[in-house]
Amino acid sequence: MKTILRASRHVVVVAVLGCLVMFGVVTIVAAIAVANAVAEILRGGTALSQLASVTAVAFKILDLFLVGAILYIVALGLGALFLDTKGALPAWFEIREFDDLKVVLWHSIIIVLLVSFLGDVLEWEKGTDIVFVGGGIAMVIAAVAFMQRDGSPRRDGPRAT
């Protein structure tokens, strides 16, 4: 049974490969969006009236690149945790346990939400709908902050209660 359980961790290869494929696809789509945006800007000029539109497009493209980076980080983290590929990690990326990967993922999700919200704000014309979007994002950030504060064991010793 131990042999089966040890070998079963290699099934994570499917998740790692899936994340890497999606990383590649999302990055290529973002690169194509960059090329299209640059071509559109060069065709239309750089009038000040288009500044908000160009900025919104830039942040949507940034959002794609961030999602791609998150997929890549998850692939690296899963590989390090389950497939013993710690040597492939960049020096700044230290994964010792699953909680480390969750924290990186939480932070990444917050960044993507904030960048996406900024894109929404730049396209927002009028009305109160933006308040609901911002409020929803604020609740997600608050929930993540609460989980991180109360849900993760501290590395510097037992938690004080």
Protein backbone atom coordinates (compact mmCIF):
# COMPACT_ATOMS: atom_id res chain seq x y z
CA MET A 1 0.00 0.00 0.00
CA LYS A 2 2.86 2.40 0.81
CA THR A 3 4.26 1.85 -2.67
CA ILE A 4 0.93 2.69 -4.27
CA LEU A 5 0.56 5.84 -2.19
CA ARG A 6 4.11 6.96 -2.96
CA ALA A 7 3.60 6.36 -6.67
CA SER A 8 0.20 8.07 -6.71
CA ARG A 9 1.78 11.44 -6.02
CA HIS A 10 3.03 11.36 -9.61
CA VAL A 11 -0.57 11.88 -10.75
CA VAL A 12 0.07 15.52 -9.80
CA VAL A 13 2.05 15.64 -13.05
CA VAL A 14 -1.34 16.04 -14.77
CA ALA A 15 -2.09 19.17 -12.72
CA VAL A 16 1.42 20.56 -13.25
CA LEU A 17 1.25 19.99 -17.00
CA GLY A 18 -2.26 21.46 -17.14
CA CYS A 19 -1.08 24.60 -15.34
CA LEU A 20 1.94 24.88 -17.63
CA VAL A 21 -0.20 24.49 -20.76
CA MET A 22 -2.67 27.10 -19.53
CA PHE A 23 0.24 29.39 -18.59
CA GLY A 24 1.53 29.13 -22.14
CA VAL A 25 -1.88 29.68 -23.73
CA VAL A 26 -2.78 32.65 -21.51
CA THR A 27 0.64 34.22 -22.08
CA ILE A 28 0.34 33.81 -25.85
CA VAL A 29 -3.18 35.30 -25.81
CA ALA A 30 -1.85 38.23 -23.75
CA ALA A 31 1.05 38.73 -26.17
CA ILE A 32 -1.39 38.77 -29.10
CA ALA A 33 -3.53 41.28 -27.20
CA VAL A 34 -0.43 43.46 -26.74
CA ALA A 35 0.28 43.34 -30.48
CA ASN A 36 -3.35 44.19 -31.29
CA ALA A 37 -3.42 47.04 -28.76
CA VAL A 38 -0.20 48.53 -30.11
CA ALA A 39 -1.49 48.28 -33.70
CA GLU A 40 -4.79 49.92 -32.66
CA ILE A 41 -2.98 52.74 -30.85
CA LEU A 42 -0.73 53.36 -33.84
CA ARG A 43 -3.71 53.42 -36.21
CA GLY A 44 -5.85 55.68 -34.02
CA GLY A 45 -3.21 58.02 -32.72
CA THR A 46 -2.75 59.02 -29.12
CA ALA A 47 -5.50 61.53 -28.51
CA LEU A 48 -6.11 62.42 -24.89
CA SER A 49 -9.74 61.37 -25.29
CA GLN A 50 -8.55 57.79 -25.80
CA LEU A 51 -6.28 57.74 -22.78
CA ALA A 52 -8.80 56.04 -20.44
CA SER A 53 -9.61 53.44 -23.07
CA VAL A 54 -5.94 52.66 -23.71
CA THR A 55 -5.25 52.46 -19.98
CA ALA A 56 -8.21 50.08 -19.45
CA VAL A 57 -6.98 47.81 -22.25
CA ALA A 58 -3.47 47.87 -20.78
CA PHE A 59 -4.78 46.76 -17.39
CA LYS A 60 -6.88 43.98 -18.92
CA ILE A 61 -3.76 42.71 -20.69
CA LEU A 62 -1.79 43.01 -17.45
CA ASP A 63 -4.52 40.92 -15.82
CA LEU A 64 -3.94 38.17 -18.41
CA PHE A 65 -0.20 38.19 -17.79
CA LEU A 66 -0.81 37.99 -14.02
CA VAL A 67 -3.15 35.02 -14.43
CA GLY A 68 -0.48 33.33 -16.55
CA ALA A 69 2.14 34.00 -13.89
CA ILE A 70 -0.16 32.54 -11.22
CA LEU A 71 -0.63 29.39 -13.27
CA TYR A 72 3.15 29.11 -13.63
CA ILE A 73 3.70 29.63 -9.90
CA VAL A 74 1.10 26.98 -9.05
CA ALA A 75 2.77 24.55 -11.45
CA LEU A 76 6.16 25.19 -9.85
CA GLY A 77 4.71 24.89 -6.34
CA LEU A 78 2.85 21.65 -7.00
CA GLY A 79 5.94 20.20 -8.65
CA ALA A 80 8.09 21.16 -5.68
CA LEU A 81 5.64 19.76 -3.14
CA PHE A 82 4.74 16.49 -4.80
CA LEU A 83 7.40 15.73 -7.39
CA ASP A 84 10.56 16.89 -5.58
CA THR A 85 11.45 19.55 -8.16
CA LYS A 86 12.58 22.16 -5.63
CA GLY A 87 15.74 22.72 -7.67
CA ALA A 88 13.63 24.20 -10.48
CA LEU A 89 12.26 26.96 -8.21
CA PRO A 90 13.58 30.50 -8.44
CA ALA A 91 15.54 31.61 -5.37
CA TRP A 92 12.71 33.90 -4.17
CA PHE A 93 10.08 31.14 -4.26
CA GLU A 94 10.31 28.96 -1.18
CA ILE A 95 7.72 26.22 -0.81
CA ARG A 96 8.04 23.89 2.19
CA GLU A 97 4.42 22.86 2.62
CA PHE A 98 1.03 23.23 1.00
CA ASP A 99 0.18 26.28 3.16
CA ASP A 100 3.09 28.16 1.55
CA LEU A 101 1.53 27.61 -1.88
CA LYS A 102 -1.91 28.66 -0.61
CA VAL A 103 -0.54 31.94 0.73
CA VAL A 104 1.15 32.71 -2.59
CA LEU A 105 -2.10 31.88 -4.37
CA TRP A 106 -4.17 34.08 -2.00
CA HIS A 107 -1.86 37.04 -2.55
CA SER A 108 -1.92 36.48 -6.30
CA ILE A 109 -5.71 36.35 -6.39
CA ILE A 110 -5.92 39.63 -4.50
CA ILE A 111 -3.55 41.29 -6.97
CA VAL A 112 -5.57 40.00 -9.94
CA LEU A 113 -8.81 41.22 -8.36
CA LEU A 114 -7.35 44.66 -7.70
CA VAL A 115 -5.94 45.01 -11.22
CA SER A 116 -9.25 43.83 -12.68
CA PHE A 117 -11.14 46.30 -10.50
CA LEU A 118 -8.87 49.12 -11.65
CA GLY A 119 -9.72 48.19 -15.24
CA ASP A 120 -13.42 48.32 -14.34
CA VAL A 121 -12.99 51.72 -12.68
CA LEU A 122 -11.27 53.08 -15.78
CA GLU A 123 -14.22 51.96 -17.96
CA TRP A 124 -16.89 53.01 -15.47
CA GLU A 125 -19.07 55.84 -16.68
CA LYS A 126 -21.68 56.51 -14.01
CA GLY A 127 -24.06 54.81 -11.62
CA THR A 128 -23.60 52.90 -8.41
CA ASP A 129 -22.78 49.48 -9.87
CA ILE A 130 -19.06 50.02 -9.27
CA VAL A 131 -19.76 50.13 -5.52
CA PHE A 132 -21.05 46.56 -5.60
CA VAL A 133 -18.03 45.33 -7.56
CA GLY A 134 -15.65 47.12 -5.19
CA GLY A 135 -17.57 45.88 -2.15
CA GLY A 136 -17.42 42.30 -3.37
CA ILE A 137 -13.69 42.53 -3.93
CA ALA A 138 -13.25 44.12 -0.49
CA MET A 139 -15.13 41.20 1.09
CA VAL A 140 -12.91 38.68 -0.70
CA ILE A 141 -9.79 40.52 0.49
CA ALA A 142 -11.16 40.65 4.05
CA ALA A 143 -11.91 36.91 3.97
CA VAL A 144 -8.41 36.12 2.71
CA ALA A 145 -6.87 38.37 5.36
CA PHE A 146 -8.93 36.63 8.04
CA MET A 147 -7.96 33.16 6.78
CA GLN A 148 -4.33 34.11 6.66
CA ARG A 149 -4.41 35.61 10.14
CA ASP A 150 -6.33 32.81 11.84
CA GLY A 151 -5.99 29.83 9.53
CA SER A 152 -2.27 29.45 9.00
CA PRO A 153 0.09 28.20 11.67
CA ARG A 154 2.84 30.61 12.55
CA ARG A 155 6.37 29.64 11.64
CA ASP A 156 7.96 31.28 14.66
CA GLY A 157 6.38 28.99 17.23
CA PRO A 158 3.02 28.17 18.72
CA ARG A 159 0.20 30.65 18.31
CA ALA A 160 -0.63 32.88 21.22
CA THR A 161 -4.27 32.76 22.26
